[in-house]
Structures are given as C-alpha cells and as structure tokens.
C-alpha cells in the first residue's frame, strides 16, 4: 500500500483516512490499524472476501481481489494486478476466480465495480467478463466513475 506504482489507480479520490495520500494513492497503514482490518477479514464469506493472489509456479505475490456485499445485495469488487505483471492476461484469471467466489459464497444478486471511464484496460476486462456499464456516471467517490454490473447468480448452478 506504500508503492506509488501499485497504488496509482487509487490516486485523487475523496478518501477519508488520515494516512491516505491523494497524490500517490498510497495508504500509510500503521500496525495499530491492523486489528480492525483483521476483524473485517474475520467476517463470514457471505459478507466479504479479501484474497492475495500468488503465482502457482513461483509463489510470487501477483495481486489481490476482494468483494464486500452491501445491504442491497450488491457485491462490490476490486481487482488489482501488480504493475510489472499487468497486460499479461492475469486480470481475466483474477476476475474469473473472483466471480466464481462471489457466486458460490454469497447471496448477492449483482456484482458491481466502479471506476473511471479512462481506465481502458479495466473497461475491456469488465466487458469481456460480461459486465455492462451504467448509462450515467456518479461523483459518489469524489470524481466521475461509472458502475459496471453483472448478474451474480450463476445461471448454470443447480438449485
């Protein structure tokens, strides 16, 4: 969270966290804040999931994915590949695994991700994964973002 290259996607947001640097997107995450995050991670999979992704062959950390289901049954997701491994198709693998996990472990009805229109690689990934962009943008996060949505229930899941 202190690597400006990794966190560049996070720059310039309206984040209310004392350790947030809007110029770099980095987060100063002191050890005394870790217990609150650990409590969040301890919540049931039906409510949230946060996963570090490792390369099977090298055991190298290559990114992370996460979801959190809100009270309206929407699973809000995030996908992040480390900078030097971006552009190699890992995002598609990450997304596929994340969608499977949300569909398997939650009762979410919709899976949503919000990001800026100029993030073309993110738009391609979401479109290829079956997401559909909302018609309008929102400024809920302090700058214009568009929500991309896909139905959460797996149409092939047996009842």
N, C-alpha and C. Protein backbone atom coordinates (compact mmCIF):
# COMPACT_ATOMS: atom_id res chain seq x y z
N UNK A 1 0.80 -1.19 0.00
CA UNK A 1 0.00 0.00 0.00
C UNK A 1 0.85 1.26 0.00
N UNK A 2 2.16 1.08 0.06
CA UNK A 2 3.06 2.24 0.02
C UNK A 2 3.80 2.35 -1.30
N UNK A 3 3.45 1.51 -2.28
CA UNK A 3 4.10 1.52 -3.58
C UNK A 3 3.30 2.40 -4.54
N UNK A 4 3.82 3.59 -4.89
CA UNK A 4 3.06 4.50 -5.76
C UNK A 4 2.67 3.89 -7.10
N UNK A 5 3.51 3.02 -7.66
CA UNK A 5 3.17 2.39 -8.94
C UNK A 5 1.98 1.45 -8.77
N UNK A 6 1.98 0.66 -7.72
CA UNK A 6 0.89 -0.28 -7.45
C UNK A 6 -0.40 0.46 -7.13
N UNK A 7 -0.29 1.55 -6.39
CA UNK A 7 -1.47 2.26 -5.88
C UNK A 7 -1.91 3.43 -6.76
N UNK A 8 -1.29 3.63 -7.91
CA UNK A 8 -1.61 4.79 -8.76
C UNK A 8 -3.09 4.84 -9.13
N UNK A 9 -3.73 3.69 -9.27
CA UNK A 9 -5.17 3.66 -9.59
C UNK A 9 -5.99 4.32 -8.49
N UNK A 10 -5.44 4.41 -7.31
CA UNK A 10 -6.13 4.88 -6.12
C UNK A 10 -5.93 6.38 -5.87
N UNK A 11 -5.15 7.04 -6.72
CA UNK A 11 -4.82 8.46 -6.51
C UNK A 11 -5.99 9.37 -6.85
N UNK A 12 -6.08 10.47 -6.12
CA UNK A 12 -7.03 11.52 -6.44
C UNK A 12 -8.46 11.31 -5.99
N UNK A 13 -8.70 10.36 -5.12
CA UNK A 13 -10.05 10.08 -4.65
C UNK A 13 -10.36 10.90 -3.39
N UNK A 14 -11.63 10.96 -3.05
CA UNK A 14 -12.05 11.59 -1.79
C UNK A 14 -12.10 10.49 -0.73
N UNK A 15 -10.97 10.17 -0.17
CA UNK A 15 -10.86 9.11 0.83
C UNK A 15 -10.69 9.76 2.19
N UNK A 16 -11.54 9.38 3.12
CA UNK A 16 -11.46 9.92 4.48
C UNK A 16 -10.68 8.96 5.35
N UNK A 17 -9.38 9.02 5.21
CA UNK A 17 -8.48 8.20 6.00
C UNK A 17 -7.22 9.04 6.21
N UNK A 18 -6.83 9.23 7.44
CA UNK A 18 -5.72 10.12 7.75
C UNK A 18 -4.44 9.74 7.03
N UNK A 19 -4.22 8.46 6.77
CA UNK A 19 -2.99 8.02 6.13
C UNK A 19 -3.03 7.96 4.62
N UNK A 20 -4.10 8.47 4.01
CA UNK A 20 -4.24 8.45 2.55
C UNK A 20 -3.51 9.62 1.91
N UNK A 21 -2.71 9.34 0.88
CA UNK A 21 -2.02 10.38 0.11
C UNK A 21 -2.71 10.51 -1.24
N UNK A 22 -3.51 11.56 -1.45
CA UNK A 22 -4.24 11.68 -2.71
C UNK A 22 -3.34 11.83 -3.94
N UNK A 23 -2.11 12.31 -3.76
CA UNK A 23 -1.21 12.47 -4.90
C UNK A 23 -0.73 11.12 -5.44
N UNK A 24 -0.46 10.18 -4.56
CA UNK A 24 0.08 8.88 -5.00
C UNK A 24 -0.94 7.76 -4.93
N UNK A 25 -1.99 7.93 -4.10
CA UNK A 25 -2.95 6.86 -3.88
C UNK A 25 -2.51 5.90 -2.79
N UNK A 26 -1.34 6.13 -2.23
CA UNK A 26 -0.80 5.23 -1.21
C UNK A 26 -1.52 5.42 0.13
N UNK A 27 -1.46 4.36 0.93
CA UNK A 27 -2.04 4.38 2.27
C UNK A 27 -0.97 4.06 3.29
N UNK A 28 -0.81 4.95 4.24
CA UNK A 28 0.05 4.66 5.38
C UNK A 28 -0.81 3.83 6.32
N UNK A 29 -0.39 2.63 6.57
CA UNK A 29 -1.21 1.69 7.31
C UNK A 29 -0.45 1.22 8.54
N UNK A 30 -0.48 2.02 9.60
CA UNK A 30 0.30 1.68 10.79
C UNK A 30 -0.22 0.41 11.47
N UNK A 31 0.68 -0.25 12.13
CA UNK A 31 0.37 -1.54 12.75
C UNK A 31 -0.81 -1.47 13.72
N UNK A 32 -1.02 -0.32 14.36
CA UNK A 32 -2.14 -0.22 15.29
C UNK A 32 -3.50 -0.28 14.58
N UNK A 33 -3.52 -0.07 13.25
CA UNK A 33 -4.76 -0.18 12.48
C UNK A 33 -5.03 -1.60 11.99
N UNK A 34 -4.09 -2.50 12.12
CA UNK A 34 -4.24 -3.85 11.60
C UNK A 34 -5.36 -4.65 12.27
N UNK A 35 -5.57 -4.54 13.58
CA UNK A 35 -6.63 -5.34 14.20
C UNK A 35 -8.02 -5.07 13.61
N UNK A 36 -8.32 -3.82 13.27
CA UNK A 36 -9.62 -3.51 12.68
C UNK A 36 -9.77 -4.20 11.33
N UNK A 37 -8.68 -4.24 10.53
CA UNK A 37 -8.73 -4.93 9.25
C UNK A 37 -8.88 -6.43 9.46
N UNK A 38 -8.18 -6.97 10.44
CA UNK A 38 -8.30 -8.39 10.75
C UNK A 38 -9.72 -8.75 11.16
N UNK A 39 -10.39 -7.86 11.90
CA UNK A 39 -11.79 -8.10 12.28
C UNK A 39 -12.67 -8.13 11.03
N UNK A 40 -12.41 -7.22 10.12
CA UNK A 40 -13.18 -7.20 8.87
C UNK A 40 -12.97 -8.50 8.11
N UNK A 41 -11.74 -8.97 8.04
CA UNK A 41 -11.44 -10.20 7.32
C UNK A 41 -12.08 -11.42 7.98
N UNK A 42 -12.36 -11.32 9.27
CA UNK A 42 -12.95 -12.45 10.00
C UNK A 42 -14.45 -12.57 9.76
N UNK A 43 -15.05 -11.56 9.13
CA UNK A 43 -16.48 -11.65 8.83
C UNK A 43 -16.73 -12.81 7.87
N UNK A 44 -17.93 -13.36 7.86
CA UNK A 44 -18.23 -14.53 7.02
C UNK A 44 -18.06 -14.24 5.53
N UNK A 45 -17.76 -15.30 4.78
CA UNK A 45 -17.59 -15.19 3.32
C UNK A 45 -18.87 -14.68 2.65
N UNK A 46 -20.02 -14.88 3.28
CA UNK A 46 -21.27 -14.38 2.71
C UNK A 46 -21.30 -12.85 2.69
N UNK A 47 -20.44 -12.21 3.51
CA UNK A 47 -20.41 -10.75 3.60
C UNK A 47 -19.22 -10.12 2.89
N UNK A 48 -18.08 -10.80 2.88
CA UNK A 48 -16.87 -10.21 2.31
C UNK A 48 -15.82 -11.27 2.06
N UNK A 49 -14.88 -10.90 1.21
CA UNK A 49 -13.72 -11.75 0.96
C UNK A 49 -12.57 -10.90 0.46
N UNK A 50 -11.35 -11.17 0.93
CA UNK A 50 -10.16 -10.45 0.51
C UNK A 50 -9.09 -11.50 0.29
N UNK A 51 -8.53 -11.53 -0.92
CA UNK A 51 -7.63 -12.62 -1.28
C UNK A 51 -6.37 -12.07 -1.95
N UNK A 52 -5.22 -12.53 -1.48
CA UNK A 52 -3.96 -12.26 -2.14
C UNK A 52 -3.80 -13.35 -3.20
N UNK A 53 -3.28 -12.99 -4.35
CA UNK A 53 -3.12 -13.94 -5.44
C UNK A 53 -1.64 -14.24 -5.62
N UNK A 54 -1.33 -15.53 -5.61
CA UNK A 54 0.04 -15.99 -5.80
C UNK A 54 0.18 -16.73 -7.12
N UNK A 55 1.33 -16.57 -7.76
CA UNK A 55 1.66 -17.34 -8.96
C UNK A 55 1.96 -18.77 -8.51
N UNK A 56 1.25 -19.74 -9.07
CA UNK A 56 1.43 -21.15 -8.69
C UNK A 56 2.85 -21.65 -8.90
N UNK A 57 3.50 -21.17 -9.94
CA UNK A 57 4.83 -21.67 -10.27
C UNK A 57 5.94 -21.04 -9.44
N UNK A 58 5.81 -19.76 -9.12
CA UNK A 58 6.90 -19.05 -8.44
C UNK A 58 6.59 -18.71 -6.99
N UNK A 59 5.35 -18.88 -6.56
CA UNK A 59 4.90 -18.48 -5.23
C UNK A 59 5.02 -16.96 -5.02
N UNK A 60 5.09 -16.22 -6.11
CA UNK A 60 5.22 -14.77 -6.06
C UNK A 60 3.83 -14.13 -5.92
N UNK A 61 3.74 -13.11 -5.07
CA UNK A 61 2.53 -12.31 -4.95
C UNK A 61 2.34 -11.56 -6.27
N UNK A 62 1.16 -11.71 -6.91
CA UNK A 62 0.92 -11.05 -8.19
C UNK A 62 -0.30 -10.12 -8.17
N UNK A 63 -0.96 -10.02 -7.02
CA UNK A 63 -2.09 -9.09 -6.93
C UNK A 63 -3.05 -9.47 -5.82
N UNK A 64 -4.22 -8.83 -5.85
CA UNK A 64 -5.24 -9.15 -4.87
C UNK A 64 -6.62 -8.87 -5.47
N UNK A 65 -7.62 -9.52 -4.92
CA UNK A 65 -9.01 -9.32 -5.30
C UNK A 65 -9.83 -9.25 -4.02
N UNK A 66 -10.97 -8.60 -4.09
CA UNK A 66 -11.81 -8.52 -2.90
C UNK A 66 -13.26 -8.25 -3.28
N UNK A 67 -14.13 -8.55 -2.35
CA UNK A 67 -15.55 -8.20 -2.51
C UNK A 67 -16.14 -7.90 -1.14
N UNK A 68 -17.21 -7.10 -1.17
CA UNK A 68 -17.97 -6.82 0.04
C UNK A 68 -19.43 -6.69 -0.38
N UNK A 69 -20.30 -7.44 0.27
CA UNK A 69 -21.72 -7.42 -0.06
C UNK A 69 -22.42 -6.39 0.82
N UNK A 70 -23.14 -5.46 0.17
CA UNK A 70 -23.83 -4.43 0.94
C UNK A 70 -25.25 -4.88 1.29
N UNK A 71 -25.98 -4.04 1.99
CA UNK A 71 -27.33 -4.36 2.44
C UNK A 71 -28.35 -4.51 1.33
N UNK A 72 -28.01 -4.03 0.12
CA UNK A 72 -28.92 -4.14 -1.02
C UNK A 72 -28.65 -5.39 -1.86
N UNK A 73 -27.73 -6.25 -1.40
CA UNK A 73 -27.42 -7.47 -2.13
C UNK A 73 -26.46 -7.27 -3.28
N UNK A 74 -25.74 -6.15 -3.28
CA UNK A 74 -24.74 -5.92 -4.30
C UNK A 74 -23.36 -6.27 -3.76
N UNK A 75 -22.61 -7.05 -4.52
CA UNK A 75 -21.23 -7.37 -4.15
C UNK A 75 -20.33 -6.39 -4.88
N UNK A 76 -19.68 -5.51 -4.12
CA UNK A 76 -18.75 -4.54 -4.69
C UNK A 76 -17.36 -5.16 -4.70
N UNK A 77 -16.73 -5.15 -5.87
CA UNK A 77 -15.48 -5.89 -6.05
C UNK A 77 -14.32 -4.96 -6.37
N UNK A 78 -13.13 -5.53 -6.28
CA UNK A 78 -11.91 -4.87 -6.71
C UNK A 78 -10.93 -5.92 -7.20
N UNK A 79 -10.16 -5.58 -8.23
CA UNK A 79 -9.17 -6.47 -8.82
C UNK A 79 -7.91 -5.64 -9.05
N UNK A 80 -6.75 -6.12 -8.60
CA UNK A 80 -5.52 -5.38 -8.79
C UNK A 80 -4.36 -6.35 -9.05
N UNK A 81 -3.71 -6.17 -10.18
CA UNK A 81 -2.54 -6.95 -10.57
C UNK A 81 -1.31 -6.07 -10.33
N UNK A 82 -0.21 -6.66 -9.83
CA UNK A 82 0.99 -5.86 -9.60
C UNK A 82 1.46 -5.27 -10.94
N UNK A 83 2.02 -4.06 -10.91
CA UNK A 83 2.34 -3.35 -12.15
C UNK A 83 3.18 -4.14 -13.15
N UNK A 84 4.21 -4.81 -12.72
CA UNK A 84 5.08 -5.47 -13.71
C UNK A 84 4.45 -6.70 -14.34
N UNK A 85 3.30 -7.15 -13.82
CA UNK A 85 2.62 -8.31 -14.40
C UNK A 85 1.34 -7.91 -15.15
N UNK A 86 1.05 -6.61 -15.21
CA UNK A 86 -0.15 -6.13 -15.92
C UNK A 86 0.04 -6.32 -17.42
N UNK A 87 -1.07 -6.51 -18.11
CA UNK A 87 -1.05 -6.65 -19.57
C UNK A 87 -0.75 -8.06 -20.05
N UNK A 88 -0.68 -9.02 -19.13
CA UNK A 88 -0.36 -10.40 -19.50
C UNK A 88 -1.55 -11.33 -19.37
N UNK A 89 -2.74 -10.78 -19.15
CA UNK A 89 -3.94 -11.61 -19.06
C UNK A 89 -4.30 -12.09 -17.67
N UNK A 90 -3.51 -11.69 -16.67
CA UNK A 90 -3.81 -12.15 -15.31
C UNK A 90 -5.14 -11.59 -14.81
N UNK A 91 -5.49 -10.38 -15.21
CA UNK A 91 -6.74 -9.78 -14.78
C UNK A 91 -7.94 -10.65 -15.11
N UNK A 92 -7.94 -11.27 -16.27
CA UNK A 92 -9.04 -12.16 -16.67
C UNK A 92 -9.13 -13.36 -15.75
N UNK A 93 -7.98 -13.91 -15.38
CA UNK A 93 -7.96 -15.05 -14.45
C UNK A 93 -8.46 -14.61 -13.08
N UNK A 94 -7.94 -13.47 -12.61
CA UNK A 94 -8.36 -12.94 -11.31
C UNK A 94 -9.88 -12.74 -11.29
N UNK A 95 -10.40 -12.11 -12.35
CA UNK A 95 -11.84 -11.81 -12.40
C UNK A 95 -12.67 -13.09 -12.40
N UNK A 96 -12.26 -14.05 -13.18
CA UNK A 96 -13.00 -15.31 -13.24
C UNK A 96 -13.06 -15.98 -11.87
N UNK A 97 -11.93 -16.04 -11.19
CA UNK A 97 -11.89 -16.64 -9.86
C UNK A 97 -12.73 -15.84 -8.86
N UNK A 98 -12.67 -14.52 -8.95
CA UNK A 98 -13.44 -13.67 -8.04
C UNK A 98 -14.94 -13.84 -8.28
N UNK A 99 -15.37 -13.83 -9.54
CA UNK A 99 -16.79 -14.00 -9.83
C UNK A 99 -17.29 -15.36 -9.33
N UNK A 100 -16.49 -16.40 -9.55
CA UNK A 100 -16.87 -17.72 -9.04
C UNK A 100 -17.04 -17.71 -7.53
N UNK A 101 -16.11 -17.05 -6.85
CA UNK A 101 -16.14 -16.99 -5.38
C UNK A 101 -17.38 -16.24 -4.89
N UNK A 102 -17.66 -15.09 -5.48
CA UNK A 102 -18.84 -14.31 -5.07
C UNK A 102 -20.10 -15.11 -5.30
N UNK A 103 -20.20 -15.76 -6.45
CA UNK A 103 -21.40 -16.53 -6.77
C UNK A 103 -21.55 -17.75 -5.86
N UNK A 104 -20.45 -18.34 -5.49
CA UNK A 104 -20.51 -19.54 -4.65
C UNK A 104 -20.78 -19.21 -3.18
N UNK A 105 -20.16 -18.14 -2.68
CA UNK A 105 -20.16 -17.89 -1.24
C UNK A 105 -21.18 -16.86 -0.75
N UNK A 106 -21.84 -16.15 -1.67
CA UNK A 106 -22.74 -15.08 -1.23
C UNK A 106 -24.13 -15.25 -1.84
N UNK A 107 -25.05 -14.47 -1.33
CA UNK A 107 -26.39 -14.37 -1.90
C UNK A 107 -26.55 -13.08 -2.70
N UNK A 108 -25.45 -12.48 -3.10
CA UNK A 108 -25.50 -11.24 -3.87
C UNK A 108 -26.30 -11.48 -5.15
N UNK A 109 -27.05 -10.46 -5.53
CA UNK A 109 -27.83 -10.55 -6.77
C UNK A 109 -27.12 -9.88 -7.93
N UNK A 110 -26.23 -8.94 -7.61
CA UNK A 110 -25.49 -8.20 -8.63
C UNK A 110 -24.06 -8.02 -8.14
N UNK A 111 -23.12 -8.06 -9.09
CA UNK A 111 -21.71 -7.79 -8.78
C UNK A 111 -21.37 -6.48 -9.48
N UNK A 112 -20.75 -5.56 -8.73
CA UNK A 112 -20.53 -4.18 -9.21
C UNK A 112 -19.08 -3.77 -9.00
N UNK A 113 -18.55 -3.02 -9.97
CA UNK A 113 -17.27 -2.35 -9.79
C UNK A 113 -17.39 -0.96 -10.39
N UNK A 114 -16.88 0.04 -9.68
CA UNK A 114 -16.91 1.43 -10.12
C UNK A 114 -15.48 1.87 -10.44
N UNK A 115 -15.32 2.50 -11.60
CA UNK A 115 -14.02 3.08 -11.94
C UNK A 115 -14.21 4.14 -13.02
N UNK A 116 -13.16 4.91 -13.27
CA UNK A 116 -13.21 6.00 -14.23
C UNK A 116 -13.25 5.48 -15.66
N UNK A 117 -13.89 6.25 -16.54
CA UNK A 117 -14.01 5.87 -17.95
C UNK A 117 -12.67 5.77 -18.66
N UNK A 118 -11.66 6.52 -18.21
CA UNK A 118 -10.38 6.49 -18.92
C UNK A 118 -9.52 5.28 -18.56
N UNK A 119 -9.99 4.42 -17.71
CA UNK A 119 -9.24 3.18 -17.39
C UNK A 119 -9.65 2.11 -18.40
N UNK A 120 -9.07 2.22 -19.60
CA UNK A 120 -9.46 1.39 -20.73
C UNK A 120 -9.22 -0.11 -20.49
N UNK A 121 -8.11 -0.46 -19.86
CA UNK A 121 -7.84 -1.88 -19.60
C UNK A 121 -8.91 -2.45 -18.67
N UNK A 122 -9.32 -1.68 -17.67
CA UNK A 122 -10.37 -2.13 -16.75
C UNK A 122 -11.69 -2.29 -17.49
N UNK A 123 -12.00 -1.34 -18.37
CA UNK A 123 -13.24 -1.44 -19.15
C UNK A 123 -13.23 -2.69 -20.03
N UNK A 124 -12.10 -2.98 -20.70
CA UNK A 124 -12.01 -4.19 -21.55
C UNK A 124 -12.19 -5.44 -20.71
N UNK A 125 -11.54 -5.50 -19.56
CA UNK A 125 -11.65 -6.67 -18.69
C UNK A 125 -13.10 -6.89 -18.26
N UNK A 126 -13.75 -5.84 -17.82
CA UNK A 126 -15.13 -5.98 -17.35
C UNK A 126 -16.08 -6.35 -18.50
N UNK A 127 -15.90 -5.74 -19.65
CA UNK A 127 -16.75 -6.07 -20.81
C UNK A 127 -16.57 -7.53 -21.21
N UNK A 128 -15.30 -7.99 -21.28
CA UNK A 128 -15.03 -9.39 -21.63
C UNK A 128 -15.61 -10.35 -20.59
N UNK A 129 -15.71 -9.90 -19.36
CA UNK A 129 -16.23 -10.75 -18.28
C UNK A 129 -17.75 -10.73 -18.19
N UNK A 130 -18.40 -9.93 -19.04
CA UNK A 130 -19.85 -9.90 -19.07
C UNK A 130 -20.50 -8.74 -18.35
N UNK A 131 -19.71 -7.84 -17.79
CA UNK A 131 -20.26 -6.67 -17.10
C UNK A 131 -20.84 -5.69 -18.13
N UNK A 132 -21.83 -4.94 -17.71
CA UNK A 132 -22.45 -3.90 -18.54
C UNK A 132 -22.32 -2.57 -17.80
N UNK A 133 -21.84 -1.51 -18.49
CA UNK A 133 -21.68 -0.22 -17.82
C UNK A 133 -23.02 0.49 -17.65
N UNK A 134 -23.16 1.21 -16.55
CA UNK A 134 -24.33 2.07 -16.36
C UNK A 134 -24.29 3.18 -17.41
N UNK A 135 -25.45 3.72 -17.73
CA UNK A 135 -25.52 4.81 -18.69
C UNK A 135 -24.89 6.10 -18.17
N UNK A 136 -25.04 6.34 -16.87
CA UNK A 136 -24.58 7.60 -16.29
C UNK A 136 -23.42 7.37 -15.33
N UNK A 137 -22.62 8.43 -15.17
CA UNK A 137 -21.54 8.39 -14.19
C UNK A 137 -22.04 8.95 -12.86
N UNK A 138 -21.27 8.73 -11.83
CA UNK A 138 -21.58 9.23 -10.49
C UNK A 138 -20.35 9.92 -9.94
N UNK A 139 -20.55 10.85 -9.04
CA UNK A 139 -19.44 11.50 -8.34
C UNK A 139 -19.39 11.09 -6.88
N UNK A 140 -19.96 9.95 -6.56
CA UNK A 140 -20.04 9.49 -5.18
C UNK A 140 -18.66 9.32 -4.54
N UNK A 141 -17.64 9.10 -5.35
CA UNK A 141 -16.30 8.88 -4.83
C UNK A 141 -15.39 10.10 -5.00
N UNK A 142 -16.00 11.26 -5.31
CA UNK A 142 -15.22 12.48 -5.42
C UNK A 142 -14.72 12.78 -6.82
N UNK A 143 -14.97 11.92 -7.76
CA UNK A 143 -14.65 12.15 -9.16
C UNK A 143 -15.54 11.24 -10.00
N UNK A 144 -15.72 11.53 -11.28
CA UNK A 144 -16.65 10.74 -12.08
C UNK A 144 -16.23 9.29 -12.26
N UNK A 145 -17.11 8.41 -11.85
CA UNK A 145 -16.90 6.97 -12.07
C UNK A 145 -18.18 6.40 -12.67
N UNK A 146 -18.03 5.27 -13.29
CA UNK A 146 -19.16 4.55 -13.85
C UNK A 146 -19.21 3.17 -13.20
N UNK A 147 -20.40 2.76 -12.82
CA UNK A 147 -20.58 1.42 -12.27
C UNK A 147 -20.75 0.43 -13.42
N UNK A 148 -20.09 -0.69 -13.29
CA UNK A 148 -20.22 -1.80 -14.22
C UNK A 148 -20.87 -2.93 -13.44
N UNK A 149 -21.88 -3.58 -14.02
CA UNK A 149 -22.67 -4.57 -13.29
C UNK A 149 -22.81 -5.87 -14.08
N UNK A 150 -22.90 -6.95 -13.33
CA UNK A 150 -23.19 -8.26 -13.90
C UNK A 150 -24.08 -9.00 -12.90
N UNK A 151 -24.97 -9.80 -13.39
CA UNK A 151 -25.83 -10.59 -12.52
C UNK A 151 -24.96 -11.54 -11.71
N UNK A 152 -25.26 -11.66 -10.43
CA UNK A 152 -24.44 -12.52 -9.58
C UNK A 152 -24.84 -13.98 -9.64
N UNK A 153 -26.13 -14.31 -9.66
CA UNK A 153 -26.46 -15.73 -9.66
C UNK A 153 -25.89 -16.45 -10.88
N UNK A 154 -25.32 -17.60 -10.64
CA UNK A 154 -24.74 -18.40 -11.70
C UNK A 154 -25.89 -19.09 -12.43
N UNK A 155 -26.09 -18.78 -13.74
CA UNK A 155 -27.22 -19.38 -14.45
C UNK A 155 -27.09 -20.89 -14.63
N UNK A 156 -25.89 -21.44 -14.39
CA UNK A 156 -25.69 -22.88 -14.54
C UNK A 156 -25.73 -23.62 -13.21
N UNK A 157 -25.86 -22.89 -12.13
CA UNK A 157 -25.91 -23.51 -10.80
C UNK A 157 -27.21 -24.29 -10.65
N UNK A 158 -27.11 -25.47 -10.15
CA UNK A 158 -28.32 -26.28 -9.91
C UNK A 158 -28.94 -25.87 -8.60
N UNK A 159 -30.25 -25.74 -8.61
CA UNK A 159 -30.97 -25.34 -7.39
C UNK A 159 -31.05 -26.49 -6.40
